[in-house]
N, C-alpha and C. Protein backbone atom coordinates (compact mmCIF):
# COMPACT_ATOMS: atom_id res chain seq x y z
N MET A 1 8.55 12.56 5.80
CA MET A 1 8.49 12.16 4.40
C MET A 1 9.33 13.11 3.57
N THR A 2 9.90 12.60 2.50
CA THR A 2 10.62 13.49 1.61
C THR A 2 9.64 14.19 0.70
N ASP A 3 10.08 15.28 0.10
CA ASP A 3 9.23 16.04 -0.80
C ASP A 3 9.04 15.27 -2.10
N PRO A 4 7.79 14.85 -2.44
CA PRO A 4 7.55 14.09 -3.65
C PRO A 4 7.91 14.85 -4.91
N ALA A 5 7.97 16.17 -4.86
CA ALA A 5 8.30 16.94 -6.05
C ALA A 5 9.80 17.06 -6.24
N ASP A 6 10.60 16.57 -5.26
CA ASP A 6 12.05 16.65 -5.36
C ASP A 6 12.54 15.73 -6.46
N SER A 7 13.17 16.28 -7.47
CA SER A 7 13.61 15.48 -8.60
C SER A 7 15.04 14.99 -8.46
N ASN A 8 15.70 15.29 -7.35
CA ASN A 8 17.08 14.88 -7.18
C ASN A 8 17.22 13.53 -6.49
N ALA A 9 16.13 12.93 -6.05
CA ALA A 9 16.19 11.65 -5.36
C ALA A 9 16.56 10.55 -6.34
N ALA A 10 17.42 9.65 -5.91
CA ALA A 10 17.84 8.54 -6.78
C ALA A 10 16.74 7.49 -6.83
N PRO A 11 16.58 6.80 -7.98
CA PRO A 11 15.58 5.75 -8.07
C PRO A 11 15.89 4.64 -7.08
N SER A 12 14.85 4.02 -6.57
CA SER A 12 14.99 2.94 -5.61
C SER A 12 15.54 1.70 -6.29
N ALA A 13 16.36 0.92 -5.58
CA ALA A 13 16.94 -0.28 -6.16
C ALA A 13 16.34 -1.53 -5.55
N THR A 14 15.10 -1.45 -5.10
CA THR A 14 14.45 -2.61 -4.51
C THR A 14 13.82 -3.46 -5.59
N SER A 15 13.20 -4.57 -5.19
CA SER A 15 12.57 -5.46 -6.16
C SER A 15 11.10 -5.65 -5.84
N THR A 16 10.34 -6.23 -6.79
CA THR A 16 8.92 -6.40 -6.61
C THR A 16 8.56 -7.87 -6.59
N PRO A 17 7.49 -8.26 -5.90
CA PRO A 17 7.04 -9.63 -5.89
C PRO A 17 6.64 -10.07 -7.29
N THR A 18 6.74 -11.37 -7.53
CA THR A 18 6.52 -11.90 -8.86
C THR A 18 5.06 -12.01 -9.24
N SER A 19 4.17 -12.08 -8.30
CA SER A 19 2.76 -12.21 -8.63
C SER A 19 1.92 -11.47 -7.61
N PRO A 20 0.65 -11.15 -7.95
CA PRO A 20 -0.19 -10.43 -7.00
C PRO A 20 -0.36 -11.16 -5.68
N ALA A 21 -0.41 -12.48 -5.70
CA ALA A 21 -0.61 -13.24 -4.48
C ALA A 21 0.73 -13.70 -3.92
N SER A 22 1.75 -12.91 -4.12
CA SER A 22 3.11 -13.27 -3.74
C SER A 22 3.22 -13.50 -2.24
N THR A 23 4.07 -14.43 -1.89
CA THR A 23 4.34 -14.65 -0.48
C THR A 23 5.57 -13.85 -0.09
N VAL A 24 5.78 -13.69 1.20
CA VAL A 24 6.90 -12.92 1.69
C VAL A 24 8.19 -13.58 1.22
N GLY A 25 9.08 -12.77 0.64
CA GLY A 25 10.37 -13.27 0.23
C GLY A 25 10.49 -13.58 -1.25
N GLU A 26 9.38 -13.80 -1.97
CA GLU A 26 9.46 -14.05 -3.40
C GLU A 26 9.58 -12.72 -4.11
N THR A 27 10.75 -12.45 -4.71
CA THR A 27 10.95 -11.17 -5.37
C THR A 27 11.67 -11.36 -6.68
N ARG A 28 11.59 -10.34 -7.52
CA ARG A 28 12.35 -10.31 -8.75
C ARG A 28 12.85 -8.89 -8.93
N SER A 29 13.84 -8.71 -9.76
CA SER A 29 14.39 -7.38 -10.00
C SER A 29 13.42 -6.56 -10.83
N ARG A 30 13.32 -5.27 -10.50
CA ARG A 30 12.48 -4.38 -11.29
C ARG A 30 13.18 -4.07 -12.58
N SER A 31 12.42 -4.01 -13.63
CA SER A 31 13.01 -3.70 -14.93
C SER A 31 13.22 -2.20 -15.06
N SER A 32 14.02 -1.83 -16.03
CA SER A 32 14.28 -0.41 -16.26
C SER A 32 13.11 0.26 -16.96
N SER A 33 12.07 -0.51 -17.33
CA SER A 33 10.92 0.09 -18.02
C SER A 33 10.20 1.10 -17.14
N SER A 34 10.22 0.91 -15.81
CA SER A 34 9.56 1.90 -14.95
C SER A 34 10.30 3.23 -15.00
N VAL A 35 11.61 3.21 -15.20
CA VAL A 35 12.37 4.44 -15.32
C VAL A 35 11.97 5.16 -16.61
N ALA A 36 11.82 4.42 -17.69
CA ALA A 36 11.44 5.01 -18.97
C ALA A 36 10.03 5.58 -18.92
N ARG A 37 9.13 4.94 -18.20
CA ARG A 37 7.73 5.40 -18.13
C ARG A 37 7.59 6.74 -17.42
N ARG A 38 8.50 7.05 -16.49
CA ARG A 38 8.38 8.30 -15.75
C ARG A 38 8.36 9.51 -16.68
N SER A 39 9.13 9.45 -17.74
CA SER A 39 9.21 10.59 -18.64
C SER A 39 7.95 10.71 -19.50
N GLU A 40 7.11 9.66 -19.55
CA GLU A 40 5.91 9.70 -20.38
C GLU A 40 4.80 10.54 -19.77
N LEU A 41 4.92 10.99 -18.54
CA LEU A 41 3.88 11.80 -17.92
C LEU A 41 3.78 13.18 -18.57
N THR A 42 4.88 13.69 -19.06
CA THR A 42 4.88 14.96 -19.77
C THR A 42 5.47 14.73 -21.15
N THR A 43 4.66 14.95 -22.17
CA THR A 43 5.11 14.75 -23.55
C THR A 43 4.85 16.02 -24.34
N GLU A 44 5.25 16.02 -25.61
CA GLU A 44 4.99 17.16 -26.47
C GLU A 44 3.49 17.35 -26.70
N GLN A 45 2.73 16.26 -26.60
CA GLN A 45 1.29 16.33 -26.82
C GLN A 45 0.50 16.76 -25.58
N GLY A 46 1.10 16.72 -24.41
CA GLY A 46 0.39 17.14 -23.21
C GLY A 46 0.97 16.54 -21.94
N LYS A 47 0.29 16.82 -20.85
CA LYS A 47 0.73 16.41 -19.52
C LYS A 47 -0.31 15.49 -18.90
N THR A 48 0.14 14.46 -18.20
CA THR A 48 -0.74 13.55 -17.47
C THR A 48 -0.60 13.83 -15.99
N ALA A 49 -1.71 14.13 -15.32
CA ALA A 49 -1.71 14.33 -13.87
C ALA A 49 -2.44 13.16 -13.24
N ILE A 50 -1.91 12.65 -12.14
CA ILE A 50 -2.50 11.51 -11.44
C ILE A 50 -2.92 11.97 -10.05
N ALA A 51 -4.19 11.78 -9.73
CA ALA A 51 -4.74 12.21 -8.44
C ALA A 51 -4.17 11.39 -7.29
N ASP A 52 -4.10 12.03 -6.13
CA ASP A 52 -3.65 11.34 -4.92
C ASP A 52 -4.49 10.10 -4.64
N SER A 53 -5.81 10.20 -4.85
CA SER A 53 -6.70 9.08 -4.55
C SER A 53 -6.40 7.87 -5.43
N VAL A 54 -5.95 8.10 -6.66
CA VAL A 54 -5.59 6.98 -7.55
C VAL A 54 -4.37 6.26 -7.01
N VAL A 55 -3.36 7.02 -6.63
CA VAL A 55 -2.14 6.42 -6.09
C VAL A 55 -2.45 5.71 -4.77
N ALA A 56 -3.33 6.28 -3.94
CA ALA A 56 -3.70 5.66 -2.68
C ALA A 56 -4.40 4.33 -2.90
N LYS A 57 -5.29 4.26 -3.88
CA LYS A 57 -5.98 3.00 -4.17
C LYS A 57 -5.01 1.94 -4.66
N ILE A 58 -4.12 2.31 -5.56
CA ILE A 58 -3.13 1.36 -6.07
C ILE A 58 -2.27 0.84 -4.92
N ALA A 59 -1.79 1.74 -4.08
CA ALA A 59 -0.94 1.36 -2.95
C ALA A 59 -1.70 0.46 -1.97
N GLY A 60 -2.96 0.79 -1.70
CA GLY A 60 -3.76 -0.02 -0.78
C GLY A 60 -4.00 -1.42 -1.30
N LEU A 61 -4.32 -1.54 -2.57
CA LEU A 61 -4.53 -2.86 -3.17
C LEU A 61 -3.23 -3.65 -3.22
N ALA A 62 -2.12 -2.99 -3.54
CA ALA A 62 -0.82 -3.66 -3.58
C ALA A 62 -0.42 -4.16 -2.20
N CYS A 63 -0.75 -3.40 -1.17
CA CYS A 63 -0.44 -3.80 0.20
C CYS A 63 -1.24 -5.05 0.58
N ARG A 64 -2.52 -5.07 0.22
CA ARG A 64 -3.39 -6.20 0.56
C ARG A 64 -3.01 -7.48 -0.17
N GLU A 65 -2.22 -7.39 -1.23
CA GLU A 65 -1.79 -8.58 -1.98
C GLU A 65 -0.76 -9.42 -1.20
N ILE A 66 -0.18 -8.87 -0.18
CA ILE A 66 0.90 -9.53 0.55
C ILE A 66 0.35 -10.40 1.67
N ASP A 67 0.79 -11.67 1.69
CA ASP A 67 0.42 -12.57 2.77
C ASP A 67 0.97 -12.03 4.08
N GLY A 68 0.17 -12.07 5.13
CA GLY A 68 0.57 -11.56 6.43
C GLY A 68 -0.07 -10.23 6.76
N VAL A 69 -0.62 -9.53 5.74
CA VAL A 69 -1.37 -8.30 5.99
C VAL A 69 -2.82 -8.70 6.20
N TYR A 70 -3.33 -8.48 7.42
CA TYR A 70 -4.70 -8.87 7.72
C TYR A 70 -5.69 -7.76 7.37
N GLU A 71 -5.35 -6.53 7.71
CA GLU A 71 -6.26 -5.39 7.52
C GLU A 71 -5.41 -4.14 7.40
N MET A 72 -6.07 -3.08 6.99
CA MET A 72 -5.37 -1.79 6.88
C MET A 72 -6.15 -0.72 7.62
N GLY A 73 -5.43 0.27 8.10
CA GLY A 73 -6.04 1.38 8.81
C GLY A 73 -5.64 1.35 10.26
N ALA A 74 -5.77 2.51 10.90
CA ALA A 74 -5.43 2.62 12.31
C ALA A 74 -6.66 2.97 13.11
N GLY A 75 -6.83 2.36 14.24
CA GLY A 75 -7.84 2.70 15.21
C GLY A 75 -9.23 2.97 14.68
N LEU A 76 -9.63 4.23 14.77
CA LEU A 76 -10.99 4.64 14.44
C LEU A 76 -11.32 4.42 12.96
N SER A 77 -10.38 4.71 12.06
CA SER A 77 -10.68 4.53 10.63
C SER A 77 -10.92 3.07 10.32
N ARG A 78 -10.18 2.17 10.97
CA ARG A 78 -10.39 0.74 10.75
C ARG A 78 -11.74 0.30 11.31
N THR A 79 -12.08 0.78 12.49
CA THR A 79 -13.36 0.43 13.11
C THR A 79 -14.53 0.92 12.27
N LEU A 80 -14.45 2.17 11.84
CA LEU A 80 -15.52 2.72 11.00
C LEU A 80 -15.60 2.00 9.66
N GLY A 81 -14.46 1.62 9.12
CA GLY A 81 -14.43 0.90 7.85
C GLY A 81 -15.08 -0.47 7.96
N VAL A 82 -14.83 -1.16 9.06
CA VAL A 82 -15.44 -2.47 9.28
C VAL A 82 -16.95 -2.32 9.40
N LEU A 83 -17.40 -1.31 10.13
CA LEU A 83 -18.85 -1.08 10.26
C LEU A 83 -19.47 -0.76 8.91
N LYS A 84 -18.82 0.08 8.12
CA LYS A 84 -19.32 0.44 6.80
C LYS A 84 -19.41 -0.79 5.90
N ASP A 85 -18.40 -1.66 5.97
CA ASP A 85 -18.38 -2.86 5.14
C ASP A 85 -19.51 -3.82 5.49
N LYS A 86 -20.00 -3.76 6.75
CA LYS A 86 -21.08 -4.65 7.18
C LYS A 86 -22.47 -4.15 6.79
N LEU A 87 -22.57 -2.87 6.43
CA LEU A 87 -23.85 -2.32 6.02
C LEU A 87 -24.25 -2.90 4.66
N PRO A 88 -25.56 -3.07 4.41
CA PRO A 88 -26.00 -3.64 3.13
C PRO A 88 -25.49 -2.87 1.92
N MET A 89 -25.40 -1.55 2.02
CA MET A 89 -24.93 -0.78 0.88
C MET A 89 -23.45 -0.45 1.00
N GLY A 90 -22.76 -1.05 1.95
CA GLY A 90 -21.35 -0.77 2.17
C GLY A 90 -20.43 -1.41 1.17
N GLY A 91 -20.88 -2.43 0.47
CA GLY A 91 -20.03 -3.10 -0.50
C GLY A 91 -19.33 -4.30 0.09
N SER A 92 -18.93 -5.21 -0.77
CA SER A 92 -18.29 -6.43 -0.31
C SER A 92 -16.76 -6.29 -0.22
N GLN A 93 -16.20 -5.28 -0.83
CA GLN A 93 -14.76 -5.07 -0.82
C GLN A 93 -14.40 -3.96 0.17
N PRO A 94 -13.27 -4.11 0.89
CA PRO A 94 -12.85 -3.02 1.77
C PRO A 94 -12.44 -1.81 0.94
N THR A 95 -12.54 -0.63 1.54
CA THR A 95 -12.14 0.59 0.86
C THR A 95 -10.65 0.51 0.55
N ALA A 96 -10.30 0.66 -0.72
CA ALA A 96 -8.92 0.46 -1.16
C ALA A 96 -7.95 1.45 -0.53
N GLY A 97 -8.40 2.67 -0.27
CA GLY A 97 -7.51 3.69 0.26
C GLY A 97 -7.45 3.76 1.78
N ARG A 98 -8.17 2.89 2.49
CA ARG A 98 -8.15 2.92 3.94
C ARG A 98 -6.75 2.58 4.45
N GLY A 99 -6.24 3.38 5.35
CA GLY A 99 -4.92 3.13 5.91
C GLY A 99 -3.78 3.62 5.03
N VAL A 100 -4.12 4.41 4.00
CA VAL A 100 -3.10 4.88 3.06
C VAL A 100 -3.13 6.40 3.01
N HIS A 101 -1.96 7.01 3.11
CA HIS A 101 -1.82 8.45 2.91
C HIS A 101 -0.71 8.64 1.90
N VAL A 102 -0.96 9.44 0.88
CA VAL A 102 0.06 9.66 -0.15
C VAL A 102 0.30 11.15 -0.37
N GLU A 103 1.48 11.45 -0.85
CA GLU A 103 1.81 12.79 -1.34
C GLU A 103 2.30 12.58 -2.76
N VAL A 104 1.64 13.23 -3.71
CA VAL A 104 1.98 13.05 -5.11
C VAL A 104 2.44 14.37 -5.70
N GLY A 105 3.61 14.34 -6.32
CA GLY A 105 4.14 15.49 -7.03
C GLY A 105 3.99 15.28 -8.53
N GLU A 106 4.71 16.04 -9.31
CA GLU A 106 4.63 15.90 -10.76
C GLU A 106 5.29 14.63 -11.26
N ARG A 107 6.38 14.21 -10.59
CA ARG A 107 7.11 13.03 -11.04
C ARG A 107 7.34 12.00 -9.95
N GLN A 108 7.00 12.33 -8.71
CA GLN A 108 7.30 11.44 -7.59
C GLN A 108 6.11 11.31 -6.65
N ALA A 109 6.14 10.24 -5.86
CA ALA A 109 5.11 10.00 -4.86
C ALA A 109 5.75 9.40 -3.61
N ALA A 110 5.17 9.71 -2.46
CA ALA A 110 5.57 9.11 -1.19
C ALA A 110 4.32 8.52 -0.56
N VAL A 111 4.46 7.37 0.09
CA VAL A 111 3.31 6.62 0.60
C VAL A 111 3.52 6.28 2.07
N ASP A 112 2.47 6.48 2.88
CA ASP A 112 2.44 6.03 4.28
C ASP A 112 1.31 5.02 4.40
N LEU A 113 1.60 3.87 5.04
CA LEU A 113 0.62 2.80 5.20
C LEU A 113 0.46 2.43 6.67
N ASP A 114 -0.78 2.22 7.10
CA ASP A 114 -1.08 1.69 8.44
C ASP A 114 -1.66 0.30 8.24
N ILE A 115 -1.00 -0.72 8.82
CA ILE A 115 -1.45 -2.10 8.60
C ILE A 115 -1.61 -2.87 9.90
N VAL A 116 -2.35 -3.97 9.81
CA VAL A 116 -2.48 -4.95 10.88
C VAL A 116 -1.91 -6.24 10.31
N VAL A 117 -0.97 -6.86 11.03
CA VAL A 117 -0.37 -8.10 10.55
C VAL A 117 -0.94 -9.29 11.30
N VAL A 118 -0.82 -10.44 10.69
CA VAL A 118 -1.27 -11.70 11.29
C VAL A 118 -0.23 -12.15 12.30
N TYR A 119 -0.69 -12.61 13.46
CA TYR A 119 0.22 -13.10 14.49
C TYR A 119 1.05 -14.26 13.94
N GLY A 120 2.34 -14.24 14.23
CA GLY A 120 3.23 -15.32 13.85
C GLY A 120 4.09 -15.03 12.64
N VAL A 121 3.74 -14.01 11.85
CA VAL A 121 4.57 -13.68 10.68
C VAL A 121 5.67 -12.71 11.11
N SER A 122 6.73 -12.69 10.34
CA SER A 122 7.81 -11.75 10.59
C SER A 122 7.37 -10.36 10.13
N ILE A 123 7.25 -9.45 11.05
CA ILE A 123 6.81 -8.09 10.72
C ILE A 123 7.80 -7.43 9.77
N VAL A 124 9.08 -7.66 9.96
CA VAL A 124 10.09 -7.08 9.08
C VAL A 124 9.92 -7.61 7.66
N ASP A 125 9.71 -8.92 7.51
CA ASP A 125 9.53 -9.50 6.17
C ASP A 125 8.26 -8.99 5.50
N VAL A 126 7.16 -8.89 6.27
CA VAL A 126 5.91 -8.39 5.71
C VAL A 126 6.08 -6.94 5.29
N ALA A 127 6.68 -6.12 6.13
CA ALA A 127 6.87 -4.70 5.80
C ALA A 127 7.74 -4.54 4.55
N ASN A 128 8.80 -5.33 4.43
CA ASN A 128 9.66 -5.25 3.25
C ASN A 128 8.92 -5.70 1.99
N ALA A 129 8.13 -6.77 2.10
CA ALA A 129 7.36 -7.26 0.95
C ALA A 129 6.30 -6.24 0.54
N VAL A 130 5.65 -5.62 1.52
CA VAL A 130 4.66 -4.58 1.24
C VAL A 130 5.34 -3.43 0.51
N ARG A 131 6.45 -2.98 1.05
CA ARG A 131 7.18 -1.85 0.47
C ARG A 131 7.55 -2.14 -0.99
N GLU A 132 8.11 -3.31 -1.24
CA GLU A 132 8.52 -3.68 -2.60
C GLU A 132 7.33 -3.76 -3.55
N ASN A 133 6.24 -4.37 -3.10
CA ASN A 133 5.06 -4.53 -3.96
C ASN A 133 4.41 -3.18 -4.26
N VAL A 134 4.30 -2.32 -3.25
CA VAL A 134 3.70 -1.01 -3.46
C VAL A 134 4.55 -0.19 -4.43
N ILE A 135 5.85 -0.19 -4.25
CA ILE A 135 6.72 0.56 -5.16
C ILE A 135 6.56 0.03 -6.58
N GLY A 136 6.60 -1.27 -6.74
CA GLY A 136 6.49 -1.85 -8.08
C GLY A 136 5.17 -1.55 -8.75
N ARG A 137 4.06 -1.70 -8.02
CA ARG A 137 2.73 -1.47 -8.60
C ARG A 137 2.52 0.01 -8.94
N VAL A 138 2.85 0.90 -8.02
CA VAL A 138 2.63 2.32 -8.25
C VAL A 138 3.50 2.80 -9.42
N GLU A 139 4.75 2.42 -9.42
CA GLU A 139 5.63 2.87 -10.51
C GLU A 139 5.20 2.29 -11.85
N ALA A 140 4.80 1.02 -11.89
CA ALA A 140 4.39 0.40 -13.15
C ALA A 140 3.09 0.99 -13.68
N MET A 141 2.16 1.29 -12.80
CA MET A 141 0.85 1.77 -13.24
C MET A 141 0.80 3.27 -13.51
N THR A 142 1.62 4.04 -12.80
CA THR A 142 1.51 5.50 -12.91
C THR A 142 2.69 6.16 -13.61
N GLY A 143 3.83 5.52 -13.60
CA GLY A 143 5.02 6.16 -14.14
C GLY A 143 5.68 7.10 -13.16
N LEU A 144 5.13 7.24 -11.96
CA LEU A 144 5.72 8.08 -10.92
C LEU A 144 6.86 7.31 -10.25
N GLU A 145 7.87 8.03 -9.79
CA GLU A 145 8.92 7.43 -8.99
C GLU A 145 8.46 7.46 -7.53
N VAL A 146 8.47 6.31 -6.87
CA VAL A 146 8.09 6.26 -5.45
C VAL A 146 9.37 6.48 -4.64
N THR A 147 9.39 7.59 -3.92
CA THR A 147 10.60 7.95 -3.17
C THR A 147 10.69 7.22 -1.84
N GLU A 148 9.53 6.92 -1.24
CA GLU A 148 9.54 6.17 0.02
C GLU A 148 8.18 5.57 0.29
N VAL A 149 8.21 4.45 1.02
CA VAL A 149 6.99 3.81 1.51
C VAL A 149 7.23 3.54 2.98
N ASN A 150 6.50 4.26 3.83
CA ASN A 150 6.61 4.10 5.28
C ASN A 150 5.48 3.19 5.75
N VAL A 151 5.84 2.13 6.47
CA VAL A 151 4.86 1.15 6.94
C VAL A 151 4.79 1.24 8.46
N THR A 152 3.57 1.47 8.97
CA THR A 152 3.33 1.48 10.41
C THR A 152 2.44 0.29 10.75
N VAL A 153 2.93 -0.58 11.63
CA VAL A 153 2.14 -1.73 12.07
C VAL A 153 1.40 -1.28 13.33
N ASP A 154 0.06 -1.19 13.19
CA ASP A 154 -0.77 -0.68 14.28
C ASP A 154 -1.33 -1.75 15.20
N ASP A 155 -1.36 -3.00 14.72
CA ASP A 155 -1.97 -4.05 15.53
C ASP A 155 -1.53 -5.40 14.99
N VAL A 156 -1.78 -6.43 15.79
CA VAL A 156 -1.53 -7.82 15.40
C VAL A 156 -2.85 -8.57 15.51
N TYR A 157 -3.25 -9.23 14.41
CA TYR A 157 -4.47 -10.02 14.41
C TYR A 157 -4.15 -11.38 15.00
N LEU A 158 -4.88 -11.74 16.05
CA LEU A 158 -4.62 -12.99 16.76
C LEU A 158 -5.45 -14.15 16.25
N GLY A 159 -6.46 -13.89 15.44
CA GLY A 159 -7.29 -14.95 14.87
C GLY A 159 -7.97 -15.76 15.94
N GLU A 160 -7.76 -17.05 15.91
CA GLU A 160 -8.41 -17.96 16.86
C GLU A 160 -7.88 -17.80 18.28
N LEU A 161 -6.75 -17.13 18.43
CA LEU A 161 -6.20 -16.92 19.77
C LEU A 161 -6.99 -15.90 20.56
N GLU A 162 -7.71 -15.00 19.86
CA GLU A 162 -8.51 -14.01 20.56
C GLU A 162 -9.72 -14.69 21.18
N GLU A 163 -9.94 -14.39 22.44
CA GLU A 163 -11.09 -14.98 23.13
C GLU A 163 -12.31 -14.11 22.87
N PRO A 164 -13.43 -14.74 22.50
CA PRO A 164 -14.64 -13.94 22.30
C PRO A 164 -15.07 -13.31 23.61
N SER A 165 -15.48 -12.06 23.52
CA SER A 165 -15.87 -11.37 24.74
C SER A 165 -17.30 -11.77 25.12
N GLU A 166 -17.48 -12.04 26.38
CA GLU A 166 -18.80 -12.39 26.92
C GLU A 166 -19.57 -11.12 27.15
N PRO A 167 -20.83 -11.06 26.74
CA PRO A 167 -21.62 -9.86 27.04
C PRO A 167 -21.81 -9.74 28.55
N ARG A 168 -21.76 -8.53 29.04
CA ARG A 168 -21.92 -8.31 30.47
C ARG A 168 -23.37 -8.49 30.90
N VAL A 169 -24.30 -8.20 29.98
CA VAL A 169 -25.71 -8.32 30.30
C VAL A 169 -26.36 -9.25 29.30
N GLN A 170 -27.21 -10.15 29.80
CA GLN A 170 -27.91 -11.06 28.89
C GLN A 170 -29.39 -10.86 28.95
């Protein structure tokens, strides 16, 4: 990952999906307003600091908005998250930051995502759509420049193709 505090990185020239429920490939150009917002974090009246957990939640929710992303998290964290979600007090929504690791500096952020994609979708298209949506949402909501979004596909969800496992003992 690049250093999020590095101020010499050029702004990204990617685009963001047009709506939260955007499908892969629907994009629009990012406006220059996100560039102007970056300078608003430090003003004459004070400084705004944004916690890593806030950026992680925004990135996680932005990732889940993309069609083709089935789940987030790798291995044990995903398994534990599913178990937690099934508990009565676990909540009905998945943990927004699961599968997300961020590094946040004063003006920049870098994001790593672990995802599970649906079988049959183009992994390249899903990863690009995720990257664009995460950059757009984080920059629009926080004013931070996102220097990179690394997407790791940890699994493929087979849906109905997965055969239910028979219990060994009845």
